[in-house]
Amino acid sequence: MRTSKLGKTLLGIIVGVIVLLLVAEFGLRWYIGKQLGDQMQASSTGEKASVSFGASPLILGMATGKIPEVTVDSPSTVTITAGTAGEAPTITGQPESHVTMKDLDFAANDNATAGSVDMVTTMTDEYLLAVVQRQMADNNSGATGTTLNGATGDQLDLGALAGQLIQQLVTVTGITSDPANGTVDVQITNGAAALTLRPQAQDGKLTFTAENASIFGVSLPTEVSDALTQGFSQKLQEIGPGLSLADVTVVDGGVKIHVVGTNVPLSSLEDAEQAANS
């Protein structure tokens, strides 16, 4: 009889511990998920990020200082504010994304690191337009008052001079993605000129190759084509330390990029956002 009572007592304790662990696991997932979701809430829509933690017990990960897996689906938080006459637009926030982080080590609270990161995000045509307008404005500002290849007077190459002049006069006024051809069509100066770019993943970075560029049906100087291509590439390739571009696909309304990385400090994701929006 005593053995039977002892067995029931032990069973009750085990069941109680299991229930407590389940409650703690559920509560921990809910709390951390809510904190992450609140932090990533889209200010413009109020929509929160969706956070999940995989099948591995989160409570065990908290004890060891490492979460096995975290998946975050974030809504777009992008806000684009048009600049005044002659000024580039201001960009805040980031495009929608699907991010999976594994072996998230948060032992060092000020420098959490993910063993691996897999992120898919889509940059809309509107976002691309704002980014390239900002970069072109920076390029033109830096070019003001400079000479071409150090040449002066009679040494100036007239073709290059014409290219630089047009570069400083043209403005990018529209972008339309073309999934069928895998290209991005760029409208310049309200349709006066056109440029077709093909996005590619090269050496872990996003690059754009110009396939044709013309103004009123006449080919633009290569300097203009190169400058516009650089305008797309320079900011968008600044992905962040530990991250590299695995693939890029043109989709309806934008460009989808697939970014991967190993041993990635979470600060890299913030740095990448700041670089794209600066």
Protein backbone atom coordinates (compact mmCIF):
# COMPACT_ATOMS: atom_id res chain seq x y z
CA MET A 1 0.00 0.00 0.00
CA ARG A 2 2.82 2.40 0.91
CA THR A 3 4.56 1.57 -2.38
CA SER A 4 1.37 2.37 -4.27
CA LYS A 5 1.00 5.72 -2.48
CA LEU A 6 4.66 6.57 -3.10
CA GLY A 7 4.27 5.74 -6.79
CA LYS A 8 1.21 7.97 -7.06
CA THR A 9 3.04 10.78 -5.27
CA LEU A 10 6.04 10.53 -7.60
CA LEU A 11 3.74 10.40 -10.61
CA GLY A 12 1.94 13.51 -9.37
CA ILE A 13 5.23 15.33 -8.92
CA ILE A 14 6.41 14.35 -12.40
CA VAL A 15 3.13 15.44 -13.95
CA GLY A 16 3.30 18.71 -12.03
CA VAL A 17 6.86 19.37 -13.22
CA ILE A 18 5.88 18.59 -16.81
CA VAL A 19 2.91 20.96 -16.59
CA LEU A 20 5.12 23.69 -15.12
CA LEU A 21 7.68 23.19 -17.89
CA LEU A 22 4.97 23.34 -20.54
CA VAL A 23 3.51 26.49 -19.02
CA ALA A 24 6.99 28.03 -18.75
CA GLU A 25 7.77 27.07 -22.37
CA PHE A 26 4.49 28.51 -23.63
CA GLY A 27 4.89 31.67 -21.56
CA LEU A 28 8.48 32.16 -22.67
CA ARG A 29 7.59 31.76 -26.35
CA TRP A 30 4.68 34.14 -25.96
CA TYR A 31 6.70 36.77 -24.10
CA ILE A 32 9.78 36.77 -26.35
CA GLY A 33 7.62 36.57 -29.48
CA LYS A 34 5.54 39.53 -28.29
CA GLN A 35 8.63 41.60 -27.49
CA LEU A 36 10.15 40.94 -30.91
CA GLY A 37 6.83 41.52 -32.63
CA ASP A 38 6.28 44.84 -30.85
CA GLN A 39 9.76 46.04 -31.76
CA MET A 40 9.23 45.22 -35.43
CA GLN A 41 5.72 46.64 -35.67
CA ALA A 42 5.06 48.61 -38.81
CA SER A 43 4.44 52.19 -37.72
CA SER A 44 2.39 52.99 -40.82
CA THR A 45 0.01 50.01 -40.60
CA GLY A 46 0.24 48.86 -36.98
CA GLU A 47 0.88 45.34 -38.26
CA LYS A 48 3.27 43.30 -36.11
CA ALA A 49 5.95 40.83 -37.11
CA SER A 50 5.18 37.12 -36.79
CA VAL A 51 7.74 35.28 -34.64
CA SER A 52 8.20 31.51 -34.20
CA PHE A 53 10.90 29.42 -32.54
CA GLY A 54 10.93 25.99 -34.20
CA ALA A 55 10.40 22.65 -32.46
CA SER A 56 13.33 22.70 -30.00
CA PRO A 57 12.45 23.66 -26.39
CA LEU A 58 13.02 27.37 -25.92
CA ILE A 59 13.42 27.05 -22.17
CA LEU A 60 16.46 24.83 -22.68
CA GLY A 61 17.94 27.38 -25.05
CA MET A 62 17.45 30.14 -22.49
CA ALA A 63 19.35 28.05 -19.94
CA THR A 64 22.30 27.58 -22.32
CA GLY A 65 22.24 31.13 -23.70
CA LYS A 66 21.47 29.97 -27.24
CA ILE A 67 18.12 29.75 -29.06
CA PRO A 68 18.16 26.94 -31.67
CA GLU A 69 15.93 28.68 -34.22
CA VAL A 70 14.00 31.91 -34.67
CA THR A 71 11.87 32.78 -37.69
CA VAL A 72 10.61 36.33 -38.15
CA ASP A 73 8.15 37.44 -40.82
CA SER A 74 8.22 41.24 -40.84
CA PRO A 75 5.76 43.50 -42.66
CA SER A 76 7.07 46.42 -44.65
CA THR A 77 7.94 49.44 -42.51
CA VAL A 78 9.14 51.54 -45.44
CA THR A 79 8.10 55.17 -45.49
CA ILE A 80 9.24 57.36 -48.37
CA THR A 81 8.97 61.12 -47.99
CA ALA A 82 9.34 63.17 -51.14
CA GLY A 83 12.07 65.77 -51.02
CA THR A 84 11.60 69.42 -51.85
CA ALA A 85 12.52 70.70 -55.32
CA GLY A 86 15.93 69.41 -56.27
CA GLU A 87 16.30 67.18 -53.20
CA ALA A 88 16.22 63.39 -52.97
CA PRO A 89 13.48 61.59 -51.02
CA THR A 90 13.96 60.41 -47.45
CA ILE A 91 13.66 56.69 -46.73
CA THR A 92 12.92 55.15 -43.34
CA GLY A 93 12.13 51.57 -42.35
CA GLN A 94 12.80 48.39 -44.30
CA PRO A 95 10.97 46.20 -46.85
CA GLU A 96 8.99 43.15 -45.77
CA SER A 97 11.18 40.16 -45.04
CA HIS A 98 11.25 36.51 -44.01
CA VAL A 99 14.25 35.81 -41.77
CA THR A 100 15.34 32.50 -40.25
CA MET A 101 18.14 32.61 -37.69
CA LYS A 102 19.67 29.45 -36.21
CA ASP A 103 21.87 29.02 -33.14
CA LEU A 104 21.14 32.53 -31.90
CA ASP A 105 23.73 33.15 -29.19
CA PHE A 106 22.66 35.92 -26.83
CA ALA A 107 25.12 35.18 -24.01
CA ALA A 108 26.72 38.55 -24.77
CA ASN A 109 23.66 40.80 -24.48
CA ASP A 110 25.27 43.67 -26.36
CA ASN A 111 26.44 41.54 -29.28
CA ALA A 112 24.01 38.72 -30.03
CA THR A 113 25.19 36.52 -32.91
CA ALA A 114 23.31 34.12 -35.19
CA GLY A 115 25.14 30.97 -36.26
CA SER A 116 23.35 31.24 -39.60
CA VAL A 117 20.96 33.70 -41.23
CA ASP A 118 18.65 33.09 -44.19
CA MET A 119 16.67 36.12 -45.33
CA VAL A 120 14.34 36.77 -48.25
CA THR A 121 13.09 40.28 -48.90
CA THR A 122 11.43 42.09 -51.78
CA MET A 123 12.37 45.64 -52.71
CA THR A 124 9.42 47.28 -54.43
CA ASP A 125 9.75 49.47 -57.51
CA GLU A 126 8.89 52.50 -55.35
CA TYR A 127 11.65 51.63 -52.87
CA LEU A 128 14.20 51.08 -55.65
CA LEU A 129 13.26 54.42 -57.21
CA ALA A 130 13.81 56.27 -53.93
CA VAL A 131 17.17 54.54 -53.32
CA VAL A 132 18.54 55.31 -56.78
CA GLN A 133 17.31 58.91 -56.64
CA ARG A 134 19.24 59.39 -53.40
CA GLN A 135 22.38 57.81 -54.81
CA MET A 136 22.22 59.79 -58.06
CA ALA A 137 21.86 62.99 -56.03
CA ASP A 138 24.95 62.04 -54.03
CA ASN A 139 26.89 61.22 -57.20
CA ASN A 140 25.99 64.51 -58.85
CA SER A 141 26.85 66.48 -55.72
CA GLY A 142 30.26 64.84 -55.54
CA ALA A 143 30.89 65.45 -59.24
CA THR A 144 30.23 69.19 -59.07
CA GLY A 145 33.37 71.23 -59.70
CA THR A 146 35.56 68.23 -60.58
CA THR A 147 37.48 67.55 -63.77
CA LEU A 148 37.31 64.41 -65.84
CA ASN A 149 40.20 62.02 -65.26
CA GLY A 150 42.35 64.97 -64.23
CA ALA A 151 42.15 66.54 -67.69
CA THR A 152 41.79 70.28 -68.27
CA GLY A 153 41.36 72.64 -71.20
CA ASP A 154 42.06 71.04 -74.57
CA GLN A 155 42.68 67.69 -72.88
CA LEU A 156 38.99 67.30 -72.05
CA ASP A 157 37.37 64.42 -73.90
CA LEU A 158 34.24 65.90 -75.48
CA GLY A 159 32.37 62.61 -75.30
CA ALA A 160 33.10 62.21 -71.62
CA LEU A 161 32.21 65.86 -71.00
CA ALA A 162 28.88 65.38 -72.72
CA GLY A 163 28.29 62.26 -70.68
CA GLN A 164 28.98 64.05 -67.41
CA LEU A 165 26.78 66.98 -68.41
CA ILE A 166 23.85 64.73 -69.25
CA GLN A 167 24.47 62.72 -66.06
CA GLN A 168 24.01 65.87 -63.98
CA LEU A 169 20.90 66.93 -65.88
CA VAL A 170 18.95 63.66 -66.04
CA THR A 171 16.76 62.46 -63.21
CA VAL A 172 15.34 58.99 -62.61
CA THR A 173 11.56 59.39 -62.51
CA GLY A 174 10.23 55.86 -62.71
CA ILE A 175 11.09 52.18 -62.29
CA THR A 176 9.14 49.19 -63.56
CA SER A 177 10.18 45.60 -62.95
CA ASP A 178 9.85 43.16 -65.87
CA PRO A 179 9.72 39.56 -64.56
CA ALA A 180 9.33 38.08 -68.05
CA ASN A 181 12.75 39.37 -69.10
CA GLY A 182 14.35 39.40 -65.66
CA THR A 183 15.13 43.11 -65.99
CA VAL A 184 14.27 46.47 -64.47
CA ASP A 185 13.15 49.28 -66.80
CA VAL A 186 14.24 52.75 -65.71
CA GLN A 187 12.42 55.87 -66.87
CA ILE A 188 14.60 58.97 -67.04
CA THR A 189 13.37 62.58 -67.05
CA ASN A 190 9.69 61.60 -67.36
CA GLY A 191 10.25 59.33 -70.36
CA ALA A 192 12.79 61.38 -72.28
CA ALA A 193 15.27 58.54 -71.82
CA ALA A 194 15.13 54.86 -70.96
CA LEU A 195 17.50 52.35 -69.40
CA THR A 196 17.18 48.59 -68.99
CA LEU A 197 19.09 46.97 -66.13
CA ARG A 198 19.58 43.31 -65.28
CA PRO A 199 20.09 42.61 -61.55
CA GLN A 200 22.61 39.90 -60.69
CA ALA A 201 24.24 38.31 -57.66
CA GLN A 202 27.98 38.77 -58.11
CA ASP A 203 30.58 37.93 -55.46
CA GLY A 204 27.88 37.98 -52.81
CA LYS A 205 26.68 41.48 -53.73
CA LEU A 206 23.85 42.95 -55.77
CA THR A 207 24.92 44.45 -59.09
CA PHE A 208 23.03 45.82 -62.09
CA THR A 209 24.20 45.43 -65.69
CA ALA A 210 22.99 47.98 -68.25
CA GLU A 211 21.63 46.29 -71.38
CA ASN A 212 20.60 49.40 -73.26
CA ALA A 213 20.29 53.11 -72.62
CA SER A 214 18.85 55.70 -74.97
CA ILE A 215 17.47 59.24 -75.04
CA PHE A 216 14.86 60.00 -77.67
CA GLY A 217 15.93 56.74 -79.30
CA VAL A 218 19.62 57.69 -79.38
CA SER A 219 22.09 55.71 -77.27
CA LEU A 220 23.31 57.52 -74.18
CA PRO A 221 27.06 57.95 -73.62
CA THR A 222 28.52 55.04 -71.65
CA GLU A 223 29.40 57.46 -68.83
CA VAL A 224 25.70 58.07 -68.20
CA SER A 225 24.84 54.39 -68.38
CA ASP A 226 27.67 53.56 -65.99
CA ALA A 227 26.65 56.31 -63.57
CA LEU A 228 23.05 55.15 -63.47
CA THR A 229 24.14 51.55 -62.96
CA GLN A 230 26.41 52.66 -60.13
CA GLY A 231 23.50 54.54 -58.62
CA PHE A 232 21.59 51.29 -58.28
CA SER A 233 24.48 49.15 -57.19
CA GLN A 234 26.40 51.25 -54.69
CA LYS A 235 23.86 51.49 -51.88
CA LEU A 236 22.04 48.24 -52.50
CA GLN A 237 25.22 46.17 -52.38
CA GLU A 238 26.00 47.35 -48.84
CA ILE A 239 24.35 44.30 -47.29
CA GLY A 240 26.37 44.14 -44.08
CA PRO A 241 29.22 42.21 -42.43
CA GLY A 242 28.84 38.44 -42.47
CA LEU A 243 26.05 38.57 -45.06
CA SER A 244 26.17 37.84 -48.78
CA LEU A 245 23.67 37.77 -51.62
CA ALA A 246 22.80 34.24 -52.74
CA ASP A 247 20.19 34.98 -55.40
CA VAL A 248 18.17 37.78 -56.97
CA THR A 249 14.89 37.46 -58.88
CA VAL A 250 12.78 40.08 -60.65
CA VAL A 251 9.14 39.69 -59.61
CA ASP A 252 5.94 41.63 -60.23
CA GLY A 253 6.37 45.03 -58.65
CA GLY A 254 9.94 44.64 -57.44
CA VAL A 255 13.13 42.66 -56.98
CA LYS A 256 13.37 39.73 -54.56
CA ILE A 257 16.73 39.07 -52.96
CA HIS A 258 17.93 36.06 -50.97
CA VAL A 259 20.63 36.83 -48.40
CA VAL A 260 22.56 34.27 -46.34
CA GLY A 261 25.31 34.44 -43.76
CA THR A 262 27.15 32.61 -40.97
CA ASN A 263 28.19 33.91 -37.56
CA VAL A 264 26.29 37.12 -38.20
CA PRO A 265 26.11 39.78 -35.47
CA LEU A 266 22.53 41.01 -35.26
CA SER A 267 23.94 44.52 -35.46
CA SER A 268 24.82 43.70 -39.10
CA LEU A 269 21.12 43.61 -39.97
CA GLU A 270 20.68 47.09 -38.49
CA ASP A 271 23.81 48.35 -40.26
CA ALA A 272 22.50 47.02 -43.59
CA GLU A 273 19.21 48.87 -43.12
CA GLN A 274 20.95 52.12 -42.20
CA ALA A 275 23.27 51.83 -45.23
CA ALA A 276 20.38 51.33 -47.64
CA ASN A 277 18.40 54.24 -46.17
CA SER A 278 21.27 56.72 -45.79
